[in-house]
Amino acid sequence: MASSANSNPVPKLYKSVIDDVINEVRELFLDEGVDEQVLLELKTLAAAVLVILVSLLHIW
């Protein structure tokens, strides 16, 4: 029997979207002089928000 994490593609899809967005804006951020660490922190924050939202959806 597959685990619930493997049977639910939504979190994986959202992670993919987060990765795509970060990759698309990376050059723009660097061109504006924003340190790449900011992008990494933004990615981490977005992933944390995703975990919270998915958890809340499971409650409902």
N, C-alpha and C. Protein backbone atom coordinates (compact mmCIF):
# COMPACT_ATOMS: atom_id res chain seq x y z
N MET A 1 0.83 -1.18 0.00
CA MET A 1 0.00 0.00 0.00
C MET A 1 0.88 1.25 0.00
N ALA A 2 0.57 2.21 -0.87
CA ALA A 2 1.37 3.43 -0.98
C ALA A 2 1.09 4.35 0.20
N SER A 3 2.12 5.09 0.60
CA SER A 3 1.90 6.03 1.69
C SER A 3 1.11 7.23 1.18
N SER A 4 0.50 7.96 2.11
CA SER A 4 -0.32 9.10 1.72
C SER A 4 0.51 10.19 1.04
N ALA A 5 1.78 10.33 1.43
CA ALA A 5 2.63 11.33 0.79
C ALA A 5 2.86 10.99 -0.67
N ASN A 6 2.99 9.70 -0.98
CA ASN A 6 3.21 9.29 -2.36
C ASN A 6 1.93 9.32 -3.17
N SER A 7 0.78 9.15 -2.54
CA SER A 7 -0.48 9.10 -3.27
C SER A 7 -1.05 10.49 -3.53
N ASN A 8 -0.54 11.51 -2.87
CA ASN A 8 -1.03 12.87 -3.05
C ASN A 8 0.02 13.70 -3.78
N PRO A 9 -0.18 13.96 -5.08
CA PRO A 9 0.82 14.69 -5.85
C PRO A 9 0.80 16.20 -5.62
N VAL A 10 -0.19 16.72 -4.91
CA VAL A 10 -0.32 18.17 -4.77
C VAL A 10 0.89 18.82 -4.11
N PRO A 11 1.37 18.35 -2.95
CA PRO A 11 2.55 18.99 -2.37
C PRO A 11 3.76 18.95 -3.32
N LYS A 12 3.93 17.85 -4.03
CA LYS A 12 5.04 17.76 -4.98
C LYS A 12 4.86 18.78 -6.10
N LEU A 13 3.64 18.96 -6.56
CA LEU A 13 3.35 19.95 -7.60
C LEU A 13 3.68 21.35 -7.09
N TYR A 14 3.24 21.67 -5.88
CA TYR A 14 3.50 23.00 -5.32
C TYR A 14 4.99 23.24 -5.14
N LYS A 15 5.72 22.22 -4.70
CA LYS A 15 7.17 22.35 -4.55
C LYS A 15 7.80 22.63 -5.91
N SER A 16 7.32 21.96 -6.93
CA SER A 16 7.82 22.18 -8.28
C SER A 16 7.56 23.62 -8.73
N VAL A 17 6.38 24.14 -8.40
CA VAL A 17 6.04 25.52 -8.76
C VAL A 17 6.97 26.49 -8.02
N ILE A 18 7.19 26.25 -6.73
CA ILE A 18 8.09 27.10 -5.95
C ILE A 18 9.48 27.09 -6.58
N ASP A 19 9.99 25.91 -6.91
CA ASP A 19 11.31 25.80 -7.53
C ASP A 19 11.36 26.55 -8.85
N ASP A 20 10.32 26.40 -9.67
CA ASP A 20 10.28 27.07 -10.97
C ASP A 20 10.29 28.59 -10.81
N VAL A 21 9.49 29.09 -9.87
CA VAL A 21 9.43 30.54 -9.66
C VAL A 21 10.79 31.07 -9.19
N ILE A 22 11.38 30.39 -8.23
CA ILE A 22 12.69 30.82 -7.73
C ILE A 22 13.71 30.83 -8.87
N ASN A 23 13.71 29.79 -9.68
CA ASN A 23 14.65 29.73 -10.80
C ASN A 23 14.41 30.84 -11.82
N GLU A 24 13.14 31.18 -12.05
CA GLU A 24 12.80 32.22 -13.02
C GLU A 24 13.20 33.62 -12.54
N VAL A 25 13.12 33.87 -11.24
CA VAL A 25 13.43 35.21 -10.74
C VAL A 25 14.88 35.37 -10.28
N ARG A 26 15.61 34.27 -10.24
CA ARG A 26 16.99 34.31 -9.75
C ARG A 26 17.81 35.39 -10.47
N GLU A 27 17.80 35.39 -11.78
CA GLU A 27 18.60 36.34 -12.56
C GLU A 27 18.14 37.78 -12.29
N LEU A 28 16.84 37.99 -12.21
CA LEU A 28 16.31 39.33 -11.92
C LEU A 28 16.79 39.82 -10.55
N PHE A 29 16.74 38.94 -9.57
CA PHE A 29 17.19 39.30 -8.23
C PHE A 29 18.68 39.65 -8.24
N LEU A 30 19.47 38.81 -8.90
CA LEU A 30 20.91 39.05 -8.94
C LEU A 30 21.23 40.34 -9.69
N ASP A 31 20.49 40.62 -10.77
CA ASP A 31 20.69 41.86 -11.53
C ASP A 31 20.41 43.09 -10.67
N GLU A 32 19.49 42.96 -9.73
CA GLU A 32 19.13 44.07 -8.84
C GLU A 32 20.03 44.13 -7.60
N GLY A 33 20.99 43.21 -7.52
CA GLY A 33 21.92 43.23 -6.41
C GLY A 33 21.43 42.52 -5.16
N VAL A 34 20.36 41.74 -5.30
CA VAL A 34 19.85 40.99 -4.16
C VAL A 34 20.69 39.73 -3.99
N ASP A 35 21.14 39.50 -2.78
CA ASP A 35 21.98 38.34 -2.49
C ASP A 35 21.21 37.05 -2.72
N GLU A 36 21.89 36.04 -3.21
CA GLU A 36 21.23 34.76 -3.48
C GLU A 36 20.69 34.11 -2.20
N GLN A 37 21.26 34.46 -1.06
CA GLN A 37 20.76 33.95 0.22
C GLN A 37 19.30 34.35 0.43
N VAL A 38 18.92 35.52 -0.07
CA VAL A 38 17.53 35.97 0.04
C VAL A 38 16.62 35.01 -0.72
N LEU A 39 17.05 34.58 -1.89
CA LEU A 39 16.26 33.61 -2.66
C LEU A 39 16.12 32.30 -1.91
N LEU A 40 17.19 31.85 -1.30
CA LEU A 40 17.13 30.60 -0.54
C LEU A 40 16.19 30.73 0.65
N GLU A 41 16.22 31.87 1.31
CA GLU A 41 15.32 32.10 2.44
C GLU A 41 13.87 32.18 1.97
N LEU A 42 13.65 32.82 0.83
CA LEU A 42 12.31 32.91 0.26
C LEU A 42 11.77 31.53 -0.09
N LYS A 43 12.63 30.71 -0.67
CA LYS A 43 12.25 29.34 -1.03
C LYS A 43 11.90 28.53 0.23
N THR A 44 12.71 28.67 1.27
CA THR A 44 12.45 27.96 2.53
C THR A 44 11.14 28.43 3.15
N LEU A 45 10.91 29.73 3.13
CA LEU A 45 9.67 30.27 3.68
C LEU A 45 8.45 29.78 2.90
N ALA A 46 8.55 29.79 1.58
CA ALA A 46 7.43 29.31 0.76
C ALA A 46 7.14 27.84 1.04
N ALA A 47 8.18 27.04 1.20
CA ALA A 47 7.98 25.62 1.50
C ALA A 47 7.34 25.44 2.87
N ALA A 48 7.73 26.26 3.84
CA ALA A 48 7.14 26.18 5.18
C ALA A 48 5.66 26.55 5.14
N VAL A 49 5.33 27.58 4.39
CA VAL A 49 3.93 27.97 4.24
C VAL A 49 3.15 26.84 3.59
N LEU A 50 3.73 26.21 2.61
CA LEU A 50 3.09 25.09 1.93
C LEU A 50 2.77 23.96 2.92
N VAL A 51 3.72 23.63 3.77
CA VAL A 51 3.51 22.58 4.77
C VAL A 51 2.34 22.94 5.69
N ILE A 52 2.30 24.19 6.11
CA ILE A 52 1.20 24.64 6.98
C ILE A 52 -0.13 24.55 6.26
N LEU A 53 -0.18 25.02 5.03
CA LEU A 53 -1.44 24.99 4.28
C LEU A 53 -1.92 23.57 4.04
N VAL A 54 -1.01 22.68 3.68
CA VAL A 54 -1.39 21.28 3.45
C VAL A 54 -1.90 20.68 4.76
N SER A 55 -1.25 21.00 5.86
CA SER A 55 -1.70 20.49 7.16
C SER A 55 -3.10 20.99 7.49
N LEU A 56 -3.36 22.26 7.22
CA LEU A 56 -4.68 22.82 7.47
C LEU A 56 -5.73 22.18 6.59
N LEU A 57 -5.39 21.89 5.36
CA LEU A 57 -6.34 21.24 4.46
C LEU A 57 -6.72 19.85 4.96
N HIS A 58 -5.77 19.16 5.59
CA HIS A 58 -6.06 17.83 6.12
C HIS A 58 -7.00 17.89 7.32
N ILE A 59 -7.01 19.02 8.02
CA ILE A 59 -7.91 19.19 9.16
C ILE A 59 -9.34 19.31 8.68
N TRP A 60 -9.55 20.01 7.59
CA TRP A 60 -10.90 20.24 7.07
C TRP A 60 -11.36 19.01 6.37
